[in-house]
C-alpha cells in the first residue's frame, strides 16, 4: 500500500496482489482513520468484487457522518450495483471531481 498526501486529500493506492491482503494492510496502517478526505485507488490486478467493496461501507459512512469525503477508484465493478453510501468511480480524475462536489455541498449546508 502506498499513501501519499495531495493538496486536499490523502491518496491510498494498492500495491498488493490480492484485495484481502490490501484490506489487511489498510486496517493495520489505520488508513481508515477519519482525519482528512481520502481516495482509495484499487489496482486492476486485485480482482475486486462487490463483496470486497462492501467492507468499506462502514468506513465510508463514518467519514460522511463526520463531513469528510471517502472515494474509491475501481473500474472493475458495475457502479449501478454499488450502494449509494459508497462513492465509487472508475478514474482518479472523477474521484477528485467527487471531492470538489462534496466540498461544495458541505459549504452549502447539505
PDB file of N, CA and C in Angstrom:
ATOM      1  N   UNK A   1       0.852  -1.172   0.000  1.00  0.00           N
ATOM      2  CA  UNK A   1       0.000   0.000   0.000  1.00  0.00           C
ATOM      3  C   UNK A   1       0.897   1.234   0.000  1.00  0.00           C
ATOM      4  N   UNK A   2       0.529   2.183  -0.806  1.00  0.00           N
ATOM      5  CA  UNK A   2       1.262   3.434  -0.899  1.00  0.00           C
ATOM      6  C   UNK A   2       0.332   4.565  -0.480  1.00  0.00           C
ATOM      7  N   UNK A   3       0.779   5.400   0.450  1.00  0.00           N
ATOM      8  CA  UNK A   3      -0.010   6.524   0.933  1.00  0.00           C
ATOM      9  C   UNK A   3       0.719   7.807   0.560  1.00  0.00           C
ATOM     10  N   UNK A   4       0.020   8.695  -0.138  1.00  0.00           N
ATOM     11  CA  UNK A   4       0.623   9.970  -0.499  1.00  0.00           C
ATOM     12  C   UNK A   4      -0.354  11.101  -0.210  1.00  0.00           C
ATOM     13  N   UNK A   5       0.182  12.194   0.291  1.00  0.00           N
ATOM     14  CA  UNK A   5      -0.646  13.354   0.632  1.00  0.00           C
ATOM     15  C   UNK A   5      -0.715  14.291  -0.559  1.00  0.00           C
ATOM     16  N   UNK A   6      -1.923  14.577  -1.016  1.00  0.00           N
ATOM     17  CA  UNK A   6      -2.164  15.542  -2.088  1.00  0.00           C
ATOM     18  C   UNK A   6      -2.598  16.857  -1.445  1.00  0.00           C
ATOM     19  N   UNK A   7      -2.902  17.853  -2.264  1.00  0.00           N
ATOM     20  CA  UNK A   7      -3.281  19.169  -1.728  1.00  0.00           C
ATOM     21  C   UNK A   7      -4.483  19.105  -0.798  1.00  0.00           C
ATOM     22  N   UNK A   8      -5.538  18.391  -1.216  1.00  0.00           N
ATOM     23  CA  UNK A   8      -6.783  18.414  -0.447  1.00  0.00           C
ATOM     24  C   UNK A   8      -7.221  17.054   0.065  1.00  0.00           C
ATOM     25  N   UNK A   9      -6.427  16.017  -0.170  1.00  0.00           N
ATOM     26  CA  UNK A   9      -6.828  14.671   0.251  1.00  0.00           C
ATOM     27  C   UNK A   9      -5.615  13.750   0.370  1.00  0.00           C
ATOM     28  N   UNK A  10      -5.853  12.590   0.951  1.00  0.00           N
ATOM     29  CA  UNK A  10      -4.840  11.550   1.039  1.00  0.00           C
ATOM     30  C   UNK A  10      -5.179  10.486   0.008  1.00  0.00           C
ATOM     31  N   UNK A  11      -4.202  10.128  -0.816  1.00  0.00           N
ATOM     32  CA  UNK A  11      -4.381   9.077  -1.827  1.00  0.00           C
ATOM     33  C   UNK A  11      -3.765   7.795  -1.300  1.00  0.00           C
ATOM     34  N   UNK A  12      -4.585   6.751  -1.245  1.00  0.00           N
ATOM     35  CA  UNK A  12      -4.127   5.438  -0.802  1.00  0.00           C
ATOM     36  C   UNK A  12      -4.221   4.510  -2.005  1.00  0.00           C
ATOM     37  N   UNK A  13      -3.080   4.028  -2.458  1.00  0.00           N
ATOM     38  CA  UNK A  13      -3.029   3.165  -3.638  1.00  0.00           C
ATOM     39  C   UNK A  13      -2.649   1.757  -3.243  1.00  0.00           C
ATOM     40  N   UNK A  14      -3.306   0.795  -3.854  1.00  0.00           N
ATOM     41  CA  UNK A  14      -2.991  -0.606  -3.556  1.00  0.00           C
ATOM     42  C   UNK A  14      -1.762  -1.045  -4.344  1.00  0.00           C
ATOM     43  N   UNK A  15      -0.881  -1.755  -3.669  1.00  0.00           N
ATOM     44  CA  UNK A  15       0.294  -2.335  -4.326  1.00  0.00           C
ATOM     45  C   UNK A  15       0.332  -3.844  -4.085  1.00  0.00           C
ATOM     46  N   UNK A  16      -0.637  -4.348  -3.366  1.00  0.00           N
ATOM     47  CA  UNK A  16      -0.689  -5.763  -3.013  1.00  0.00           C
ATOM     48  C   UNK A  16      -1.215  -6.583  -4.192  1.00  0.00           C
ATOM     49  N   UNK A  17      -1.139  -7.899  -4.055  1.00  0.00           N
ATOM     50  CA  UNK A  17      -1.570  -8.802  -5.118  1.00  0.00           C
ATOM     51  C   UNK A  17      -2.988  -9.341  -4.946  1.00  0.00           C
ATOM     52  N   UNK A  18      -3.596  -9.070  -3.795  1.00  0.00           N
ATOM     53  CA  UNK A  18      -4.971  -9.524  -3.579  1.00  0.00           C
ATOM     54  C   UNK A  18      -5.708  -8.486  -2.746  1.00  0.00           C
ATOM     55  N   UNK A  19      -7.027  -8.467  -2.894  1.00  0.00           N
ATOM     56  CA  UNK A  19      -7.810  -7.497  -2.134  1.00  0.00           C
ATOM     57  C   UNK A  19      -7.714  -7.782  -0.641  1.00  0.00           C
ATOM     58  N   UNK A  20      -7.776  -9.040  -0.249  1.00  0.00           N
ATOM     59  CA  UNK A  20      -7.717  -9.364   1.183  1.00  0.00           C
ATOM     60  C   UNK A  20      -6.404  -8.907   1.795  1.00  0.00           C
ATOM     61  N   UNK A  21      -5.320  -9.044   1.064  1.00  0.00           N
ATOM     62  CA  UNK A  21      -4.015  -8.577   1.539  1.00  0.00           C
ATOM     63  C   UNK A  21      -4.026  -7.047   1.667  1.00  0.00           C
ATOM     64  N   UNK A  22      -4.573  -6.361   0.660  1.00  0.00           N
ATOM     65  CA  UNK A  22      -4.658  -4.898   0.708  1.00  0.00           C
ATOM     66  C   UNK A  22      -5.495  -4.444   1.898  1.00  0.00           C
ATOM     67  N   UNK A  23      -6.670  -5.048   2.091  1.00  0.00           N
ATOM     68  CA  UNK A  23      -7.552  -4.608   3.165  1.00  0.00           C
ATOM     69  C   UNK A  23      -6.920  -4.849   4.529  1.00  0.00           C
ATOM     70  N   UNK A  24      -6.189  -5.933   4.657  1.00  0.00           N
ATOM     71  CA  UNK A  24      -5.486  -6.222   5.915  1.00  0.00           C
ATOM     72  C   UNK A  24      -4.461  -5.127   6.203  1.00  0.00           C
ATOM     73  N   UNK A  25      -3.693  -4.728   5.198  1.00  0.00           N
ATOM     74  CA  UNK A  25      -2.703  -3.665   5.367  1.00  0.00           C
ATOM     75  C   UNK A  25      -3.412  -2.330   5.613  1.00  0.00           C
ATOM     76  N   UNK A  26      -4.493  -2.084   4.905  1.00  0.00           N
ATOM     77  CA  UNK A  26      -5.287  -0.871   5.066  1.00  0.00           C
ATOM     78  C   UNK A  26      -5.717  -0.713   6.520  1.00  0.00           C
ATOM     79  N   UNK A  27      -6.229  -1.775   7.108  1.00  0.00           N
ATOM     80  CA  UNK A  27      -6.674  -1.730   8.505  1.00  0.00           C
ATOM     81  C   UNK A  27      -5.485  -1.608   9.463  1.00  0.00           C
ATOM     82  N   UNK A  28      -4.399  -2.331   9.194  1.00  0.00           N
ATOM     83  CA  UNK A  28      -3.250  -2.312  10.103  1.00  0.00           C
ATOM     84  C   UNK A  28      -2.521  -0.969  10.072  1.00  0.00           C
ATOM     85  N   UNK A  29      -2.568  -0.266   8.948  1.00  0.00           N
ATOM     86  CA  UNK A  29      -1.940   1.053   8.835  1.00  0.00           C
ATOM     87  C   UNK A  29      -2.859   2.158   9.349  1.00  0.00           C
ATOM     88  N   UNK A  30      -4.027   1.776   9.851  1.00  0.00           N
ATOM     89  CA  UNK A  30      -5.020   2.718  10.357  1.00  0.00           C
ATOM     90  C   UNK A  30      -5.420   3.729   9.288  1.00  0.00           C
ATOM     91  N   UNK A  31      -5.437   3.273   8.039  1.00  0.00           N
ATOM     92  CA  UNK A  31      -5.768   4.150   6.914  1.00  0.00           C
ATOM     93  C   UNK A  31      -7.230   4.563   6.921  1.00  0.00           C
ATOM     94  N   UNK A  32      -8.057   3.857   7.697  1.00  0.00           N
ATOM     95  CA  UNK A  32      -9.474   4.224   7.740  1.00  0.00           C
ATOM     96  C   UNK A  32      -9.748   5.332   8.754  1.00  0.00           C
ATOM     97  N   UNK A  33      -8.717   5.776   9.466  1.00  0.00           N
ATOM     98  CA  UNK A  33      -8.889   6.837  10.457  1.00  0.00           C
ATOM     99  C   UNK A  33      -9.493   8.078   9.811  1.00  0.00           C
ATOM    100  N   UNK A  34     -10.375   8.705  10.532  1.00  0.00           N
ATOM    101  CA  UNK A  34     -11.100   9.858   9.994  1.00  0.00           C
ATOM    102  C   UNK A  34     -10.317  11.123  10.318  1.00  0.00           C
ATOM    103  N   UNK A  35      -9.362  11.430   9.455  1.00  0.00           N
ATOM    104  CA  UNK A  35      -8.540  12.625   9.662  1.00  0.00           C
ATOM    105  C   UNK A  35      -8.720  13.626   8.534  1.00  0.00           C
ATOM    106  N   UNK A  36      -8.806  13.121   7.309  1.00  0.00           N
ATOM    107  CA  UNK A  36      -8.961  14.005   6.161  1.00  0.00           C
ATOM    108  C   UNK A  36      -9.618  13.238   5.023  1.00  0.00           C
ATOM    109  N   UNK A  37      -9.897  13.945   3.935  1.00  0.00           N
ATOM    110  CA  UNK A  37     -10.534  13.323   2.779  1.00  0.00           C
ATOM    111  C   UNK A  37      -9.609  12.246   2.219  1.00  0.00           C
ATOM    112  N   UNK A  38     -10.213  11.142   1.771  1.00  0.00           N
ATOM    113  CA  UNK A  38      -9.413  10.029   1.263  1.00  0.00           C
ATOM    114  C   UNK A  38      -9.926   9.544  -0.079  1.00  0.00           C
ATOM    115  N   UNK A  39      -8.969   9.157  -0.919  1.00  0.00           N
ATOM    116  CA  UNK A  39      -9.265   8.473  -2.168  1.00  0.00           C
ATOM    117  C   UNK A  39      -8.486   7.171  -2.116  1.00  0.00           C
ATOM    118  N   UNK A  40      -9.191   6.055  -2.243  1.00  0.00           N
ATOM    119  CA  UNK A  40      -8.565   4.737  -2.258  1.00  0.00           C
ATOM    120  C   UNK A  40      -8.578   4.255  -3.695  1.00  0.00           C
ATOM    121  N   UNK A  41      -7.390   4.101  -4.273  1.00  0.00           N
ATOM    122  CA  UNK A  41      -7.269   3.669  -5.664  1.00  0.00           C
ATOM    123  C   UNK A  41      -6.879   2.188  -5.678  1.00  0.00           C
ATOM    124  N   UNK A  42      -7.829   1.361  -6.127  1.00  0.00           N
ATOM    125  CA  UNK A  42      -7.614  -0.081  -6.159  1.00  0.00           C
ATOM    126  C   UNK A  42      -7.025  -0.500  -7.499  1.00  0.00           C
ATOM    127  N   UNK A  43      -5.983  -1.273  -7.436  1.00  0.00           N
ATOM    128  CA  UNK A  43      -5.317  -1.760  -8.646  1.00  0.00           C
ATOM    129  C   UNK A  43      -6.216  -2.744  -9.380  1.00  0.00           C
ATOM    130  N   UNK A  44      -6.083  -2.769 -10.695  1.00  0.00           N
ATOM    131  CA  UNK A  44      -6.885  -3.689 -11.504  1.00  0.00           C
ATOM    132  C   UNK A  44      -6.523  -5.146 -11.234  1.00  0.00           C
ATOM    133  N   UNK A  45      -5.316  -5.417 -10.772  1.00  0.00           N
ATOM    134  CA  UNK A  45      -4.904  -6.808 -10.560  1.00  0.00           C
ATOM    135  C   UNK A  45      -5.439  -7.393  -9.254  1.00  0.00           C
ATOM    136  N   UNK A  46      -6.232  -6.636  -8.495  1.00  0.00           N
ATOM    137  CA  UNK A  46      -6.804  -7.157  -7.252  1.00  0.00           C
ATOM    138  C   UNK A  46      -8.037  -8.014  -7.485  1.00  0.00           C
ATOM    139  N   UNK A  47      -8.643  -7.904  -8.674  1.00  0.00           N
ATOM    140  CA  UNK A  47      -9.884  -8.633  -8.969  1.00  0.00           C
ATOM    141  C   UNK A  47     -10.936  -8.377  -7.892  1.00  0.00           C
ATOM    142  N   UNK A  48     -11.211  -7.121  -7.663  1.00  0.00           N
ATOM    143  CA  UNK A  48     -12.123  -6.682  -6.614  1.00  0.00           C
ATOM    144  C   UNK A  48     -13.565  -7.067  -6.941  1.00  0.00           C
ATOM    145  N   UNK A  49     -14.266  -7.575  -5.933  1.00  0.00           N
ATOM    146  CA  UNK A  49     -15.665  -7.952  -6.087  1.00  0.00           C
ATOM    147  C   UNK A  49     -16.557  -6.970  -5.313  1.00  0.00           C
ATOM    148  N   UNK A  50     -17.839  -7.060  -5.565  1.00  0.00           N
ATOM    149  CA  UNK A  50     -18.804  -6.245  -4.839  1.00  0.00           C
ATOM    150  C   UNK A  50     -18.744  -6.557  -3.342  1.00  0.00           C
ATOM    151  N   UNK A  51     -18.566  -7.807  -3.017  1.00  0.00           N
ATOM    152  CA  UNK A  51     -18.440  -8.218  -1.615  1.00  0.00           C
ATOM    153  C   UNK A  51     -17.219  -7.565  -0.973  1.00  0.00           C
ATOM    154  N   UNK A  52     -16.105  -7.487  -1.703  1.00  0.00           N
ATOM    155  CA  UNK A  52     -14.901  -6.825  -1.191  1.00  0.00           C
ATOM    156  C   UNK A  52     -15.191  -5.363  -0.882  1.00  0.00           C
ATOM    157  N   UNK A  53     -15.831  -4.696  -1.825  1.00  0.00           N
ATOM    158  CA  UNK A  53     -16.108  -3.271  -1.654  1.00  0.00           C
ATOM    159  C   UNK A  53     -17.055  -3.000  -0.499  1.00  0.00           C
ATOM    160  N   UNK A  54     -17.907  -3.955  -0.185  1.00  0.00           N
ATOM    161  CA  UNK A  54     -18.846  -3.769   0.925  1.00  0.00           C
ATOM    162  C   UNK A  54     -18.112  -3.638   2.266  1.00  0.00           C
ATOM    163  N   UNK A  55     -16.856  -4.086   2.320  1.00  0.00           N
ATOM    164  CA  UNK A  55     -16.066  -3.927   3.539  1.00  0.00           C
ATOM    165  C   UNK A  55     -15.789  -2.458   3.849  1.00  0.00           C
ATOM    166  N   UNK A  56     -15.887  -1.604   2.838  1.00  0.00           N
ATOM    167  CA  UNK A  56     -15.664  -0.171   3.025  1.00  0.00           C
ATOM    168  C   UNK A  56     -16.929   0.572   3.436  1.00  0.00           C
ATOM    169  N   UNK A  57     -18.062  -0.096   3.487  1.00  0.00           N
ATOM    170  CA  UNK A  57     -19.339   0.569   3.744  1.00  0.00           C
ATOM    171  C   UNK A  57     -19.336   1.340   5.063  1.00  0.00           C
ATOM    172  N   UNK A  58     -18.940   0.711   6.145  1.00  0.00           N
ATOM    173  CA  UNK A  58     -18.928   1.387   7.446  1.00  0.00           C
ATOM    174  C   UNK A  58     -17.919   2.527   7.474  1.00  0.00           C
ATOM    175  N   UNK A  59     -16.780   2.320   6.838  1.00  0.00           N
ATOM    176  CA  UNK A  59     -15.746   3.353   6.799  1.00  0.00           C
ATOM    177  C   UNK A  59     -16.265   4.573   6.050  1.00  0.00           C
ATOM    178  N   UNK A  60     -16.886   4.336   4.896  1.00  0.00           N
ATOM    179  CA  UNK A  60     -17.427   5.437   4.102  1.00  0.00           C
ATOM    180  C   UNK A  60     -18.530   6.174   4.862  1.00  0.00           C
ATOM    181  N   UNK A  61     -19.395   5.436   5.535  1.00  0.00           N
ATOM    182  CA  UNK A  61     -20.486   6.053   6.302  1.00  0.00           C
ATOM    183  C   UNK A  61     -19.953   6.894   7.452  1.00  0.00           C
ATOM    184  N   UNK A  62     -18.920   6.397   8.118  1.00  0.00           N
ATOM    185  CA  UNK A  62     -18.308   7.130   9.219  1.00  0.00           C
ATOM    186  C   UNK A  62     -17.691   8.441   8.727  1.00  0.00           C
ATOM    187  N   UNK A  63     -16.983   8.371   7.610  1.00  0.00           N
ATOM    188  CA  UNK A  63     -16.392   9.580   7.040  1.00  0.00           C
ATOM    189  C   UNK A  63     -17.494  10.590   6.704  1.00  0.00           C
ATOM    190  N   UNK A  64     -18.515  10.125   6.018  1.00  0.00           N
ATOM    191  CA  UNK A  64     -19.603  11.025   5.594  1.00  0.00           C
ATOM    192  C   UNK A  64     -20.260  11.685   6.801  1.00  0.00           C
ATOM    193  N   UNK A  65     -20.514  10.921   7.866  1.00  0.00           N
ATOM    194  CA  UNK A  65     -21.180  11.497   9.039  1.00  0.00           C
ATOM    195  C   UNK A  65     -20.300  12.522   9.749  1.00  0.00           C
ATOM    196  N   UNK A  66     -18.996  12.483   9.495  1.00  0.00           N
ATOM    197  CA  UNK A  66     -18.073  13.459  10.074  1.00  0.00           C
ATOM    198  C   UNK A  66     -17.703  14.572   9.095  1.00  0.00           C
ATOM    199  N   UNK A  67     -18.397  14.639   7.956  1.00  0.00           N
ATOM    200  CA  UNK A  67     -18.146  15.697   6.990  1.00  0.00           C
ATOM    201  C   UNK A  67     -16.864  15.537   6.211  1.00  0.00           C
ATOM    202  N   UNK A  68     -16.415  14.291   6.051  1.00  0.00           N
ATOM    203  CA  UNK A  68     -15.174  14.011   5.338  1.00  0.00           C
ATOM    204  C   UNK A  68     -15.473  13.065   4.182  1.00  0.00           C
ATOM    205  N   UNK A  69     -14.883  13.356   3.033  1.00  0.00           N
ATOM    206  CA  UNK A  69     -15.121  12.550   1.833  1.00  0.00           C
ATOM    207  C   UNK A  69     -14.279  11.281   1.823  1.00  0.00           C
ATOM    208  N   UNK A  70     -14.857  10.223   1.267  1.00  0.00           N
ATOM    209  CA  UNK A  70     -14.173   8.938   1.106  1.00  0.00           C
ATOM    210  C   UNK A  70     -14.611   8.385  -0.246  1.00  0.00           C
ATOM    211  N   UNK A  71     -13.665   8.278  -1.175  1.00  0.00           N
ATOM    212  CA  UNK A  71     -13.981   7.854  -2.539  1.00  0.00           C
ATOM    213  C   UNK A  71     -13.077   6.688  -2.916  1.00  0.00           C
ATOM    214  N   UNK A  72     -13.650   5.705  -3.601  1.00  0.00           N
ATOM    215  CA  UNK A  72     -12.891   4.548  -4.063  1.00  0.00           C
ATOM    216  C   UNK A  72     -12.807   4.594  -5.587  1.00  0.00           C
ATOM    217  N   UNK A  73     -11.606   4.387  -6.113  1.00  0.00           N
ATOM    218  CA  UNK A  73     -11.400   4.315  -7.555  1.00  0.00           C
ATOM    219  C   UNK A  73     -11.263   2.842  -7.914  1.00  0.00           C
ATOM    220  N   UNK A  74     -12.236   2.356  -8.663  1.00  0.00           N
ATOM    221  CA  UNK A  74     -12.248   0.948  -9.071  1.00  0.00           C
ATOM    222  C   UNK A  74     -13.036   0.848 -10.366  1.00  0.00           C
ATOM    223  N   UNK A  75     -12.394   0.431 -11.436  1.00  0.00           N
ATOM    224  CA  UNK A  75     -13.101   0.375 -12.711  1.00  0.00           C
ATOM    225  C   UNK A  75     -13.531  -1.040 -13.084  1.00  0.00           C
ATOM    226  N   UNK A  76     -13.456  -1.965 -12.143  1.00  0.00           N
ATOM    227  CA  UNK A  76     -13.821  -3.353 -12.417  1.00  0.00           C
ATOM    228  C   UNK A  76     -15.265  -3.682 -12.062  1.00  0.00           C
ATOM    229  N   UNK A  77     -15.948  -2.782 -11.394  1.00  0.00           N
ATOM    230  CA  UNK A  77     -17.272  -3.051 -10.840  1.00  0.00           C
ATOM    231  C   UNK A  77     -18.317  -2.217 -11.578  1.00  0.00           C
ATOM    232  N   UNK A  78     -19.490  -2.803 -11.772  1.00  0.00           N
ATOM    233  CA  UNK A  78     -20.616  -2.056 -12.337  1.00  0.00           C
ATOM    234  C   UNK A  78     -21.131  -1.116 -11.249  1.00  0.00           C
ATOM    235  N   UNK A  79     -20.972   0.152 -11.464  1.00  0.00           N
ATOM    236  CA  UNK A  79     -21.301   1.148 -10.451  1.00  0.00           C
ATOM    237  C   UNK A  79     -22.775   1.103 -10.066  1.00  0.00           C
ATOM    238  N   UNK A  80     -23.641   0.640 -10.959  1.00  0.00           N
ATOM    239  CA  UNK A  80     -25.070   0.549 -10.650  1.00  0.00           C
ATOM    240  C   UNK A  80     -25.359  -0.488  -9.562  1.00  0.00           C
ATOM    241  N   UNK A  81     -24.430  -1.415  -9.320  1.00  0.00           N
ATOM    242  CA  UNK A  81     -24.618  -2.446  -8.297  1.00  0.00           C
ATOM    243  C   UNK A  81     -24.175  -1.994  -6.914  1.00  0.00           C
ATOM    244  N   UNK A  82     -23.563  -0.834  -6.825  1.00  0.00           N
ATOM    245  CA  UNK A  82     -22.966  -0.353  -5.584  1.00  0.00           C
ATOM    246  C   UNK A  82     -23.989   0.430  -4.766  1.00  0.00           C
ATOM    247  N   UNK A  83     -24.015   0.225  -3.434  1.00  0.00           N
ATOM    248  CA  UNK A  83     -24.907   1.030  -2.585  1.00  0.00           C
ATOM    249  C   UNK A  83     -24.541   2.516  -2.674  1.00  0.00           C
ATOM    250  N   UNK A  84     -25.530   3.376  -2.536  1.00  0.00           N
ATOM    251  CA  UNK A  84     -25.310   4.822  -2.633  1.00  0.00           C
ATOM    252  C   UNK A  84     -24.399   5.362  -1.529  1.00  0.00           C
ATOM    253  N   UNK A  85     -24.244   4.617  -0.455  1.00  0.00           N
ATOM    254  CA  UNK A  85     -23.433   5.080   0.669  1.00  0.00           C
ATOM    255  C   UNK A  85     -21.937   5.082   0.356  1.00  0.00           C
ATOM    256  N   UNK A  86     -21.548   4.400  -0.703  1.00  0.00           N
ATOM    257  CA  UNK A  86     -20.129   4.333  -1.068  1.00  0.00           C
ATOM    258  C   UNK A  86     -19.928   5.069  -2.391  1.00  0.00           C
ATOM    259  N   UNK A  87     -18.985   5.991  -2.403  1.00  0.00           N
ATOM    260  CA  UNK A  87     -18.635   6.683  -3.647  1.00  0.00           C
ATOM    261  C   UNK A  87     -17.574   5.858  -4.376  1.00  0.00           C
ATOM    262  N   UNK A  88     -17.961   5.273  -5.497  1.00  0.00           N
ATOM    263  CA  UNK A  88     -17.020   4.503  -6.313  1.00  0.00           C
ATOM    264  C   UNK A  88     -17.049   5.067  -7.721  1.00  0.00           C
ATOM    265  N   UNK A  89     -15.866   5.390  -8.222  1.00  0.00           N
ATOM    266  CA  UNK A  89     -15.725   5.967  -9.558  1.00  0.00           C
ATOM    267  C   UNK A  89     -14.635   5.206 -10.307  1.00  0.00           C
ATOM    268  N   UNK A  90     -14.650   5.267 -11.641  1.00  0.00           N
ATOM    269  CA  UNK A  90     -13.673   4.499 -12.418  1.00  0.00           C
ATOM    270  C   UNK A  90     -12.298   5.147 -12.587  1.00  0.00           C
ATOM    271  N   UNK A  91     -12.178   6.472 -12.350  1.00  0.00           N
ATOM    272  CA  UNK A  91     -10.882   7.126 -12.564  1.00  0.00           C
ATOM    273  C   UNK A  91     -10.538   8.068 -11.412  1.00  0.00           C
ATOM    274  N   UNK A  92      -9.251   8.359 -11.290  1.00  0.00           N
ATOM    275  CA  UNK A  92      -8.790   9.285 -10.264  1.00  0.00           C
ATOM    276  C   UNK A  92      -9.341  10.692 -10.512  1.00  0.00           C
ATOM    277  N   UNK A  93      -9.428  11.102 -11.767  1.00  0.00           N
ATOM    278  CA  UNK A  93      -9.979  12.421 -12.089  1.00  0.00           C
ATOM    279  C   UNK A  93     -11.423  12.549 -11.589  1.00  0.00           C
ATOM    280  N   UNK A  94     -12.217  11.496 -11.781  1.00  0.00           N
ATOM    281  CA  UNK A  94     -13.600  11.518 -11.299  1.00  0.00           C
ATOM    282  C   UNK A  94     -13.641  11.545  -9.769  1.00  0.00           C
ATOM    283  N   UNK A  95     -12.703  10.890  -9.115  1.00  0.00           N
ATOM    284  CA  UNK A  95     -12.636  10.924  -7.650  1.00  0.00           C
ATOM    285  C   UNK A  95     -12.373  12.353  -7.176  1.00  0.00           C
ATOM    286  N   UNK A  96     -11.464  13.045  -7.843  1.00  0.00           N
ATOM    287  CA  UNK A  96     -11.183  14.433  -7.484  1.00  0.00           C
ATOM    288  C   UNK A  96     -12.404  15.314  -7.728  1.00  0.00           C
ATOM    289  N   UNK A  97     -13.157  15.024  -8.780  1.00  0.00           N
ATOM    290  CA  UNK A  97     -14.394  15.762  -9.049  1.00  0.00           C
ATOM    291  C   UNK A  97     -15.416  15.542  -7.939  1.00  0.00           C
ATOM    292  N   UNK A  98     -15.532  14.305  -7.459  1.00  0.00           N
ATOM    293  CA  UNK A  98     -16.456  13.997  -6.358  1.00  0.00           C
ATOM    294  C   UNK A  98     -16.043  14.768  -5.105  1.00  0.00           C
ATOM    295  N   UNK A  99     -14.739  14.819  -4.822  1.00  0.00           N
ATOM    296  CA  UNK A  99     -14.262  15.570  -3.658  1.00  0.00           C
ATOM    297  C   UNK A  99     -14.675  17.036  -3.758  1.00  0.00           C
ATOM    298  N   UNK A 100     -14.525  17.624  -4.952  1.00  0.00           N
ATOM    299  CA  UNK A 100     -14.903  19.026  -5.155  1.00  0.00           C
ATOM    300  C   UNK A 100     -16.409  19.225  -4.988  1.00  0.00           C
ATOM    301  N   UNK A 101     -17.198  18.307  -5.556  1.00  0.00           N
ATOM    302  CA  UNK A 101     -18.660  18.422  -5.446  1.00  0.00           C
ATOM    303  C   UNK A 101     -19.110  18.294  -3.995  1.00  0.00           C
ATOM    304  N   UNK A 102     -18.516  17.362  -3.261  1.00  0.00           N
ATOM    305  CA  UNK A 102     -18.903  17.195  -1.858  1.00  0.00           C
ATOM    306  C   UNK A 102     -18.478  18.397  -1.024  1.00  0.00           C
ATOM    307  N   UNK A 103     -17.360  19.014  -1.356  1.00  0.00           N
ATOM    308  CA  UNK A 103     -16.930  20.231  -0.641  1.00  0.00           C
ATOM    309  C   UNK A 103     -17.947  21.347  -0.872  1.00  0.00           C
ATOM    310  N   UNK A 104     -18.435  21.476  -2.094  1.00  0.00           N
ATOM    311  CA  UNK A 104     -19.457  22.487  -2.404  1.00  0.00           C
ATOM    312  C   UNK A 104     -20.738  22.197  -1.635  1.00  0.00           C
ATOM    313  N   UNK A 105     -21.147  20.918  -1.589  1.00  0.00           N
ATOM    314  CA  UNK A 105     -22.350  20.540  -0.853  1.00  0.00           C
ATOM    315  C   UNK A 105     -22.212  20.893   0.639  1.00  0.00           C
ATOM    316  N   UNK A 106     -21.038  20.614   1.208  1.00  0.00           N
ATOM    317  CA  UNK A 106     -20.820  20.945   2.633  1.00  0.00           C
ATOM    318  C   UNK A 106     -20.883  22.450   2.839  1.00  0.00           C
ATOM    319  N   UNK A 107     -20.287  23.221   1.912  1.00  0.00           N
ATOM    320  CA  UNK A 107     -20.320  24.674   2.014  1.00  0.00           C
ATOM    321  C   UNK A 107     -21.742  25.217   1.955  1.00  0.00           C
ATOM    322  N   UNK A 108     -22.588  24.546   1.187  1.00  0.00           N
ATOM    323  CA  UNK A 108     -23.979  24.977   1.061  1.00  0.00           C
ATOM    324  C   UNK A 108     -24.877  24.434   2.171  1.00  0.00           C
ATOM    325  N   UNK A 109     -24.302  23.570   3.019  1.00  0.00           N
ATOM    326  CA  UNK A 109     -25.063  23.059   4.168  1.00  0.00           C
ATOM    327  C   UNK A 109     -25.846  21.795   3.916  1.00  0.00           C
ATOM    328  N   UNK A 110     -25.509  21.068   2.871  1.00  0.00           N
ATOM    329  CA  UNK A 110     -26.215  19.809   2.591  1.00  0.00           C
ATOM    330  C   UNK A 110     -25.600  18.669   3.340  1.00  0.00           C
TER     331      UNK A 110
END
